[in-house]
Amino acid sequence: MKEIIKKFDKKIIDKLDQSTITIMRKTSRIAIRLSFGIIFIWFGILKPLHLSPAEGLLKATVVWLPFGSADTWLIIIGWWEVIIGICFLFEKTTRLAIILLLTQMIGTFMPLVFLPEVTFQSNNILLPTLEGQYIIKNLIIISAALVLGGEITRSKKVT
């Protein structure tokens, strides 16, 4: 009797597992794209409106750049993020969104190098501050973008 119950339970679990995997495959790409779209548009638009909590960190990071003021860079980066978000909302522009995102991420990690006193406690790289954690968590965004990019298929040209 126990053998029959085990086999029956295994069949139910296997069927449930397969159904879950199918649902995740069908929804994961759109979920990542929509999440990126919402987050990049939302957080991006806050910058040119001077409502972003990251404004001070961003300005302190770009102040050394040889051209443009910190305020100008705040506006440029904010609109760049909005464009990234908009591109993620459309499947056809996902590749462009990923390229723009990866380019933007270079700047996002700059405070870890240029402002270690702000991003790490006692300049210890094993002890990130809240700002440091905010930046480091972008590794998840990069990883999700890479997964999404790996799922893009090229359309075949009809000859």
N, C-alpha and C. Protein backbone atom coordinates (compact mmCIF):
# COMPACT_ATOMS: atom_id res chain seq x y z
N MET A 1 0.82 -1.19 0.00
CA MET A 1 0.00 0.00 0.00
C MET A 1 0.87 1.27 0.00
N LYS A 2 1.95 1.24 0.80
CA LYS A 2 2.84 2.39 0.86
C LYS A 2 3.48 2.67 -0.50
N GLU A 3 3.80 1.61 -1.23
CA GLU A 3 4.39 1.76 -2.58
C GLU A 3 3.42 2.45 -3.51
N ILE A 4 2.17 2.10 -3.46
CA ILE A 4 1.15 2.70 -4.32
C ILE A 4 1.00 4.18 -4.00
N ILE A 5 0.97 4.50 -2.71
CA ILE A 5 0.85 5.91 -2.28
C ILE A 5 2.07 6.70 -2.72
N LYS A 6 3.27 6.13 -2.57
CA LYS A 6 4.50 6.81 -2.99
C LYS A 6 4.48 7.11 -4.49
N LYS A 7 4.09 6.11 -5.30
CA LYS A 7 4.03 6.29 -6.75
C LYS A 7 2.99 7.34 -7.12
N PHE A 8 1.84 7.28 -6.44
CA PHE A 8 0.77 8.24 -6.69
C PHE A 8 1.23 9.65 -6.33
N ASP A 9 1.86 9.79 -5.16
CA ASP A 9 2.37 11.09 -4.72
C ASP A 9 3.43 11.62 -5.68
N LYS A 10 4.31 10.73 -6.15
CA LYS A 10 5.36 11.14 -7.08
C LYS A 10 4.75 11.64 -8.38
N LYS A 11 3.72 10.97 -8.87
CA LYS A 11 3.07 11.40 -10.12
C LYS A 11 2.43 12.78 -9.94
N ILE A 12 1.79 13.00 -8.83
CA ILE A 12 1.16 14.30 -8.56
C ILE A 12 2.23 15.39 -8.45
N ILE A 13 3.28 15.10 -7.71
CA ILE A 13 4.36 16.07 -7.53
C ILE A 13 5.03 16.36 -8.87
N ASP A 14 5.30 15.33 -9.66
CA ASP A 14 5.92 15.53 -10.98
C ASP A 14 5.03 16.38 -11.89
N LYS A 15 3.72 16.10 -11.87
CA LYS A 15 2.79 16.87 -12.70
C LYS A 15 2.72 18.33 -12.24
N LEU A 16 2.66 18.53 -10.95
CA LEU A 16 2.65 19.88 -10.40
C LEU A 16 3.94 20.62 -10.74
N ASP A 17 5.06 19.93 -10.61
CA ASP A 17 6.37 20.51 -10.93
C ASP A 17 6.43 20.91 -12.40
N GLN A 18 5.99 20.03 -13.28
CA GLN A 18 6.03 20.32 -14.71
C GLN A 18 5.11 21.50 -15.06
N SER A 19 3.95 21.56 -14.43
CA SER A 19 3.03 22.69 -14.66
C SER A 19 3.64 24.01 -14.20
N THR A 20 4.30 23.98 -13.06
CA THR A 20 4.95 25.17 -12.53
C THR A 20 6.06 25.64 -13.47
N ILE A 21 6.86 24.71 -13.94
CA ILE A 21 7.95 25.04 -14.87
C ILE A 21 7.38 25.66 -16.15
N THR A 22 6.30 25.10 -16.66
CA THR A 22 5.68 25.63 -17.88
C THR A 22 5.19 27.06 -17.67
N ILE A 23 4.56 27.31 -16.55
CA ILE A 23 4.07 28.66 -16.24
C ILE A 23 5.25 29.63 -16.13
N MET A 24 6.32 29.22 -15.45
CA MET A 24 7.48 30.09 -15.29
C MET A 24 8.13 30.39 -16.64
N ARG A 25 8.21 29.40 -17.51
CA ARG A 25 8.80 29.63 -18.84
C ARG A 25 7.96 30.62 -19.65
N LYS A 26 6.65 30.53 -19.52
CA LYS A 26 5.76 31.41 -20.29
C LYS A 26 5.73 32.84 -19.76
N THR A 27 5.98 33.01 -18.47
CA THR A 27 5.81 34.34 -17.87
C THR A 27 7.10 35.05 -17.47
N SER A 28 8.21 34.33 -17.39
CA SER A 28 9.42 34.93 -16.82
C SER A 28 9.97 36.08 -17.66
N ARG A 29 10.02 35.94 -18.97
CA ARG A 29 10.59 37.01 -19.80
C ARG A 29 9.76 38.29 -19.72
N ILE A 30 8.46 38.14 -19.82
CA ILE A 30 7.61 39.34 -19.75
C ILE A 30 7.67 39.94 -18.34
N ALA A 31 7.78 39.10 -17.32
CA ALA A 31 7.87 39.62 -15.95
C ALA A 31 9.15 40.43 -15.76
N ILE A 32 10.26 39.92 -16.27
CA ILE A 32 11.52 40.66 -16.15
C ILE A 32 11.44 41.96 -16.94
N ARG A 33 10.94 41.90 -18.18
CA ARG A 33 10.85 43.11 -19.00
C ARG A 33 9.95 44.15 -18.36
N LEU A 34 8.78 43.75 -17.86
CA LEU A 34 7.87 44.71 -17.23
C LEU A 34 8.46 45.27 -15.94
N SER A 35 9.09 44.41 -15.15
CA SER A 35 9.72 44.88 -13.92
C SER A 35 10.80 45.91 -14.22
N PHE A 36 11.66 45.59 -15.18
CA PHE A 36 12.69 46.55 -15.59
C PHE A 36 12.06 47.84 -16.10
N GLY A 37 11.04 47.71 -16.92
CA GLY A 37 10.38 48.89 -17.47
C GLY A 37 9.87 49.80 -16.38
N ILE A 38 9.12 49.23 -15.45
CA ILE A 38 8.55 50.01 -14.35
C ILE A 38 9.64 50.65 -13.51
N ILE A 39 10.61 49.86 -13.09
CA ILE A 39 11.65 50.37 -12.19
C ILE A 39 12.50 51.45 -12.85
N PHE A 40 12.93 51.22 -14.10
CA PHE A 40 13.79 52.21 -14.75
C PHE A 40 13.03 53.50 -15.08
N ILE A 41 11.79 53.39 -15.51
CA ILE A 41 11.01 54.61 -15.77
C ILE A 41 10.76 55.36 -14.46
N TRP A 42 10.32 54.65 -13.45
CA TRP A 42 9.99 55.26 -12.16
C TRP A 42 11.20 55.91 -11.51
N PHE A 43 12.29 55.15 -11.32
CA PHE A 43 13.46 55.70 -10.66
C PHE A 43 14.17 56.72 -11.54
N GLY A 44 14.11 56.51 -12.86
CA GLY A 44 14.74 57.45 -13.78
C GLY A 44 14.09 58.81 -13.77
N ILE A 45 12.76 58.85 -13.81
CA ILE A 45 12.05 60.14 -13.89
C ILE A 45 12.22 60.97 -12.61
N LEU A 46 12.52 60.30 -11.50
CA LEU A 46 12.74 61.03 -10.25
C LEU A 46 13.99 61.92 -10.32
N LYS A 47 14.96 61.53 -11.11
CA LYS A 47 16.22 62.28 -11.17
C LYS A 47 16.06 63.66 -11.79
N PRO A 48 15.51 63.80 -13.00
CA PRO A 48 15.35 65.16 -13.54
C PRO A 48 14.36 66.02 -12.75
N LEU A 49 13.49 65.37 -11.99
CA LEU A 49 12.55 66.12 -11.15
C LEU A 49 13.16 66.48 -9.79
N HIS A 50 14.41 66.07 -9.57
CA HIS A 50 15.14 66.32 -8.31
C HIS A 50 14.39 65.74 -7.11
N LEU A 51 13.83 64.53 -7.29
CA LEU A 51 13.11 63.85 -6.23
C LEU A 51 13.74 62.50 -5.86
N SER A 52 14.88 62.19 -6.46
CA SER A 52 15.53 60.90 -6.24
C SER A 52 16.35 60.90 -4.96
N PRO A 53 16.20 59.88 -4.12
CA PRO A 53 17.06 59.79 -2.94
C PRO A 53 18.52 59.50 -3.31
N ALA A 54 18.76 59.09 -4.55
CA ALA A 54 20.13 58.81 -5.01
C ALA A 54 20.81 60.06 -5.58
N GLU A 55 20.13 61.19 -5.58
CA GLU A 55 20.67 62.40 -6.21
C GLU A 55 22.03 62.81 -5.64
N GLY A 56 22.16 62.85 -4.33
CA GLY A 56 23.42 63.26 -3.73
C GLY A 56 24.57 62.33 -4.09
N LEU A 57 24.30 61.03 -4.06
CA LEU A 57 25.32 60.05 -4.42
C LEU A 57 25.71 60.18 -5.88
N LEU A 58 24.72 60.35 -6.74
CA LEU A 58 25.01 60.49 -8.17
C LEU A 58 25.84 61.74 -8.43
N LYS A 59 25.44 62.86 -7.85
CA LYS A 59 26.17 64.11 -8.07
C LYS A 59 27.61 64.02 -7.55
N ALA A 60 27.77 63.40 -6.39
CA ALA A 60 29.12 63.25 -5.83
C ALA A 60 29.98 62.35 -6.71
N THR A 61 29.35 61.43 -7.42
CA THR A 61 30.09 60.50 -8.28
C THR A 61 30.54 61.17 -9.57
N VAL A 62 29.71 62.03 -10.15
CA VAL A 62 30.01 62.61 -11.47
C VAL A 62 30.70 63.96 -11.40
N VAL A 63 30.90 64.51 -10.23
CA VAL A 63 31.45 65.85 -10.09
C VAL A 63 32.84 65.97 -10.72
N TRP A 64 33.59 64.90 -10.80
CA TRP A 64 34.95 64.91 -11.34
C TRP A 64 34.99 64.86 -12.87
N LEU A 65 33.84 64.57 -13.50
CA LEU A 65 33.84 64.47 -14.96
C LEU A 65 34.27 65.81 -15.58
N PRO A 66 35.05 65.77 -16.65
CA PRO A 66 35.64 66.99 -17.23
C PRO A 66 34.63 67.89 -17.96
N PHE A 67 33.43 67.41 -18.19
CA PHE A 67 32.45 68.25 -18.89
C PHE A 67 31.08 68.02 -18.29
N GLY A 68 30.28 69.07 -18.31
CA GLY A 68 28.93 69.00 -17.76
C GLY A 68 28.93 69.13 -16.25
N SER A 69 27.91 69.77 -15.75
CA SER A 69 27.78 69.92 -14.30
C SER A 69 27.12 68.67 -13.72
N ALA A 70 27.19 68.54 -12.42
CA ALA A 70 26.55 67.40 -11.75
C ALA A 70 25.04 67.42 -12.01
N ASP A 71 24.43 68.62 -12.02
CA ASP A 71 22.99 68.72 -12.31
C ASP A 71 22.67 68.25 -13.72
N THR A 72 23.53 68.60 -14.68
CA THR A 72 23.32 68.16 -16.06
C THR A 72 23.40 66.65 -16.15
N TRP A 73 24.38 66.05 -15.49
CA TRP A 73 24.52 64.60 -15.51
C TRP A 73 23.34 63.92 -14.83
N LEU A 74 22.81 64.52 -13.79
CA LEU A 74 21.63 63.99 -13.11
C LEU A 74 20.46 63.87 -14.09
N ILE A 75 20.26 64.92 -14.87
CA ILE A 75 19.18 64.94 -15.86
C ILE A 75 19.44 63.93 -16.97
N ILE A 76 20.66 63.90 -17.49
CA ILE A 76 21.02 62.96 -18.57
C ILE A 76 20.82 61.51 -18.11
N ILE A 77 21.34 61.19 -16.94
CA ILE A 77 21.24 59.82 -16.44
C ILE A 77 19.79 59.45 -16.16
N GLY A 78 19.03 60.38 -15.62
CA GLY A 78 17.61 60.12 -15.37
C GLY A 78 16.86 59.80 -16.64
N TRP A 79 17.05 60.60 -17.68
CA TRP A 79 16.36 60.34 -18.95
C TRP A 79 16.89 59.08 -19.62
N TRP A 80 18.18 58.80 -19.46
CA TRP A 80 18.77 57.55 -19.97
C TRP A 80 18.03 56.35 -19.36
N GLU A 81 17.80 56.42 -18.05
CA GLU A 81 17.08 55.34 -17.37
C GLU A 81 15.64 55.23 -17.85
N VAL A 82 14.99 56.35 -18.10
CA VAL A 82 13.63 56.32 -18.62
C VAL A 82 13.61 55.63 -19.99
N ILE A 83 14.57 55.96 -20.83
CA ILE A 83 14.67 55.33 -22.15
C ILE A 83 14.89 53.83 -22.00
N ILE A 84 15.76 53.43 -21.08
CA ILE A 84 15.97 51.99 -20.82
C ILE A 84 14.64 51.34 -20.48
N GLY A 85 13.91 51.95 -19.56
CA GLY A 85 12.62 51.40 -19.14
C GLY A 85 11.63 51.28 -20.28
N ILE A 86 11.55 52.31 -21.10
CA ILE A 86 10.63 52.27 -22.24
C ILE A 86 11.03 51.16 -23.21
N CYS A 87 12.32 51.03 -23.46
CA CYS A 87 12.80 49.97 -24.37
C CYS A 87 12.47 48.58 -23.85
N PHE A 88 12.49 48.39 -22.54
CA PHE A 88 12.15 47.08 -21.99
C PHE A 88 10.66 46.75 -22.14
N LEU A 89 9.84 47.75 -22.29
CA LEU A 89 8.40 47.49 -22.41
C LEU A 89 8.03 46.85 -23.74
N PHE A 90 8.90 46.93 -24.71
CA PHE A 90 8.62 46.39 -26.04
C PHE A 90 9.62 45.29 -26.37
N GLU A 91 9.11 44.15 -26.77
CA GLU A 91 9.98 43.01 -27.05
C GLU A 91 11.01 43.33 -28.13
N LYS A 92 10.60 44.09 -29.14
CA LYS A 92 11.52 44.40 -30.25
C LYS A 92 12.68 45.29 -29.85
N THR A 93 12.56 46.01 -28.76
CA THR A 93 13.65 46.90 -28.34
C THR A 93 14.38 46.38 -27.09
N THR A 94 14.16 45.12 -26.76
CA THR A 94 14.79 44.54 -25.57
C THR A 94 16.31 44.51 -25.71
N ARG A 95 16.82 44.16 -26.89
CA ARG A 95 18.29 44.15 -27.07
C ARG A 95 18.88 45.52 -26.82
N LEU A 96 18.25 46.55 -27.37
CA LEU A 96 18.72 47.91 -27.17
C LEU A 96 18.67 48.25 -25.67
N ALA A 97 17.59 47.86 -25.01
CA ALA A 97 17.46 48.12 -23.57
C ALA A 97 18.60 47.48 -22.79
N ILE A 98 18.96 46.26 -23.15
CA ILE A 98 20.04 45.55 -22.44
C ILE A 98 21.37 46.26 -22.66
N ILE A 99 21.63 46.69 -23.88
CA ILE A 99 22.87 47.43 -24.17
C ILE A 99 22.92 48.73 -23.36
N LEU A 100 21.82 49.47 -23.36
CA LEU A 100 21.76 50.72 -22.59
C LEU A 100 21.91 50.45 -21.09
N LEU A 101 21.28 49.38 -20.62
CA LEU A 101 21.36 49.03 -19.20
C LEU A 101 22.80 48.68 -18.81
N LEU A 102 23.45 47.85 -19.60
CA LEU A 102 24.83 47.46 -19.26
C LEU A 102 25.77 48.67 -19.28
N THR A 103 25.53 49.59 -20.21
CA THR A 103 26.32 50.82 -20.26
C THR A 103 26.06 51.66 -19.00
N GLN A 104 24.80 51.76 -18.61
CA GLN A 104 24.43 52.55 -17.43
C GLN A 104 25.01 51.94 -16.17
N MET A 105 25.10 50.62 -16.13
CA MET A 105 25.61 49.95 -14.93
C MET A 105 27.08 50.27 -14.66
N ILE A 106 27.84 50.59 -15.68
CA ILE A 106 29.23 51.00 -15.46
C ILE A 106 29.26 52.20 -14.53
N GLY A 107 28.44 53.18 -14.84
CA GLY A 107 28.35 54.37 -13.99
C GLY A 107 27.78 54.08 -12.62
N THR A 108 26.85 53.16 -12.56
CA THR A 108 26.22 52.82 -11.28
C THR A 108 27.22 52.29 -10.27
N PHE A 109 28.23 51.56 -10.76
CA PHE A 109 29.22 50.98 -9.85
C PHE A 109 30.36 51.94 -9.50
N MET A 110 30.43 53.10 -10.15
CA MET A 110 31.52 54.05 -9.90
C MET A 110 31.67 54.48 -8.44
N PRO A 111 30.57 54.70 -7.69
CA PRO A 111 30.76 55.11 -6.30
C PRO A 111 31.54 54.10 -5.46
N LEU A 112 31.49 52.83 -5.81
CA LEU A 112 32.25 51.83 -5.06
C LEU A 112 33.75 52.11 -5.16
N VAL A 113 34.16 52.70 -6.30
CA VAL A 113 35.57 53.00 -6.53
C VAL A 113 35.91 54.41 -6.07
N PHE A 114 35.07 55.38 -6.46
CA PHE A 114 35.38 56.79 -6.22
C PHE A 114 34.90 57.32 -4.87
N LEU A 115 33.96 56.63 -4.25
CA LEU A 115 33.42 57.09 -2.96
C LEU A 115 33.36 55.95 -1.95
N PRO A 116 34.49 55.28 -1.72
CA PRO A 116 34.44 54.15 -0.78
C PRO A 116 34.04 54.57 0.64
N GLU A 117 34.31 55.82 0.98
CA GLU A 117 33.93 56.30 2.32
C GLU A 117 32.41 56.38 2.47
N VAL A 118 31.70 56.45 1.36
CA VAL A 118 30.24 56.51 1.37
C VAL A 118 29.64 55.11 1.20
N THR A 119 30.31 54.25 0.47
CA THR A 119 29.73 52.95 0.11
C THR A 119 30.18 51.79 0.99
N PHE A 120 31.23 52.00 1.80
CA PHE A 120 31.71 50.94 2.69
C PHE A 120 31.94 51.50 4.08
N GLN A 121 31.58 50.72 5.09
CA GLN A 121 31.83 51.11 6.47
C GLN A 121 33.32 50.99 6.75
N SER A 122 33.90 52.05 7.27
CA SER A 122 35.33 52.09 7.61
C SER A 122 36.20 51.67 6.43
N ASN A 123 35.75 51.95 5.21
CA ASN A 123 36.46 51.58 3.97
C ASN A 123 36.74 50.08 3.87
N ASN A 124 35.94 49.26 4.53
CA ASN A 124 36.08 47.81 4.49
C ASN A 124 35.12 47.26 3.44
N ILE A 125 35.66 46.67 2.37
CA ILE A 125 34.81 46.20 1.27
C ILE A 125 33.87 45.06 1.67
N LEU A 126 34.08 44.47 2.81
CA LEU A 126 33.19 43.42 3.29
C LEU A 126 32.01 43.98 4.09
N LEU A 127 32.03 45.31 4.33
CA LEU A 127 30.99 45.95 5.13
C LEU A 127 30.34 47.10 4.34
N PRO A 128 29.50 46.79 3.36
CA PRO A 128 28.87 47.87 2.61
C PRO A 128 27.88 48.66 3.46
N THR A 129 27.80 49.94 3.18
CA THR A 129 26.79 50.79 3.80
C THR A 129 25.47 50.54 3.06
N LEU A 130 24.43 51.24 3.47
CA LEU A 130 23.15 51.13 2.76
C LEU A 130 23.33 51.51 1.29
N GLU A 131 24.10 52.57 1.04
CA GLU A 131 24.38 53.00 -0.32
C GLU A 131 25.14 51.92 -1.10
N GLY A 132 26.13 51.31 -0.43
CA GLY A 132 26.91 50.25 -1.05
C GLY A 132 26.04 49.05 -1.40
N GLN A 133 25.15 48.68 -0.49
CA GLN A 133 24.23 47.57 -0.75
C GLN A 133 23.30 47.90 -1.92
N TYR A 134 22.84 49.13 -1.97
CA TYR A 134 21.97 49.62 -3.05
C TYR A 134 22.65 49.44 -4.40
N ILE A 135 23.95 49.69 -4.44
CA ILE A 135 24.72 49.57 -5.68
C ILE A 135 25.02 48.11 -5.99
N ILE A 136 25.49 47.38 -5.00
CA ILE A 136 25.90 45.99 -5.21
C ILE A 136 24.73 45.12 -5.66
N LYS A 137 23.54 45.41 -5.18
CA LYS A 137 22.38 44.61 -5.58
C LYS A 137 22.11 44.71 -7.08
N ASN A 138 22.72 45.66 -7.74
CA ASN A 138 22.57 45.76 -9.20
C ASN A 138 23.16 44.55 -9.93
N LEU A 139 23.97 43.75 -9.24
CA LEU A 139 24.44 42.50 -9.84
C LEU A 139 23.26 41.61 -10.23
N ILE A 140 22.19 41.67 -9.45
CA ILE A 140 20.98 40.90 -9.76
C ILE A 140 20.35 41.44 -11.05
N ILE A 141 20.31 42.75 -11.20
CA ILE A 141 19.74 43.35 -12.41
C ILE A 141 20.57 42.95 -13.63
N ILE A 142 21.88 43.01 -13.50
CA ILE A 142 22.76 42.60 -14.62
C ILE A 142 22.52 41.14 -14.96
N SER A 143 22.44 40.29 -13.95
CA SER A 143 22.21 38.86 -14.18
C SER A 143 20.88 38.61 -14.87
N ALA A 144 19.84 39.26 -14.42
CA ALA A 144 18.52 39.09 -15.05
C ALA A 144 18.55 39.59 -16.49
N ALA A 145 19.26 40.68 -16.75
CA ALA A 145 19.38 41.18 -18.12
C ALA A 145 20.12 40.18 -19.00
N LEU A 146 21.14 39.54 -18.46
CA LEU A 146 21.88 38.53 -19.22
C LEU A 146 21.00 37.31 -19.52
N VAL A 147 20.20 36.89 -18.55
CA VAL A 147 19.27 35.77 -18.78
C VAL A 147 18.27 36.16 -19.86
N LEU A 148 17.72 37.35 -19.74
CA LEU A 148 16.75 37.82 -20.74
C LEU A 148 17.39 37.89 -22.12
N GLY A 149 18.59 38.44 -22.20
CA GLY A 149 19.30 38.53 -23.47
C GLY A 149 19.59 37.16 -24.07
N GLY A 150 19.86 36.18 -23.21
CA GLY A 150 20.12 34.84 -23.68
C GLY A 150 18.89 34.14 -24.21
N GLU A 151 17.73 34.66 -23.88
CA GLU A 151 16.47 34.07 -24.34
C GLU A 151 15.96 34.69 -25.64
N ILE A 152 16.59 35.78 -26.06
CA ILE A 152 16.15 36.44 -27.29
C ILE A 152 16.54 35.58 -28.48
N THR A 153 15.61 35.39 -29.35
CA THR A 153 15.90 34.63 -30.56
C THR A 153 15.85 35.56 -31.75
N ARG A 154 16.70 35.30 -32.72
CA ARG A 154 16.72 36.10 -33.94
C ARG A 154 15.61 35.62 -34.85
N SER A 155 14.93 36.56 -35.44
CA SER A 155 13.93 36.16 -36.42
C SER A 155 14.65 35.78 -37.71
N LYS A 156 14.15 34.75 -38.34
CA LYS A 156 14.77 34.27 -39.58
C LYS A 156 14.21 35.06 -40.76
N LYS A 157 15.11 35.49 -41.62
CA LYS A 157 14.69 36.23 -42.80
C LYS A 157 14.09 35.27 -43.82
N VAL A 158 13.02 35.69 -44.40
CA VAL A 158 12.39 34.88 -45.45
C VAL A 158 13.10 35.21 -46.76
N THR A 159 13.56 34.16 -47.46
CA THR A 159 14.26 34.40 -48.74
C THR A 159 13.40 34.00 -49.90
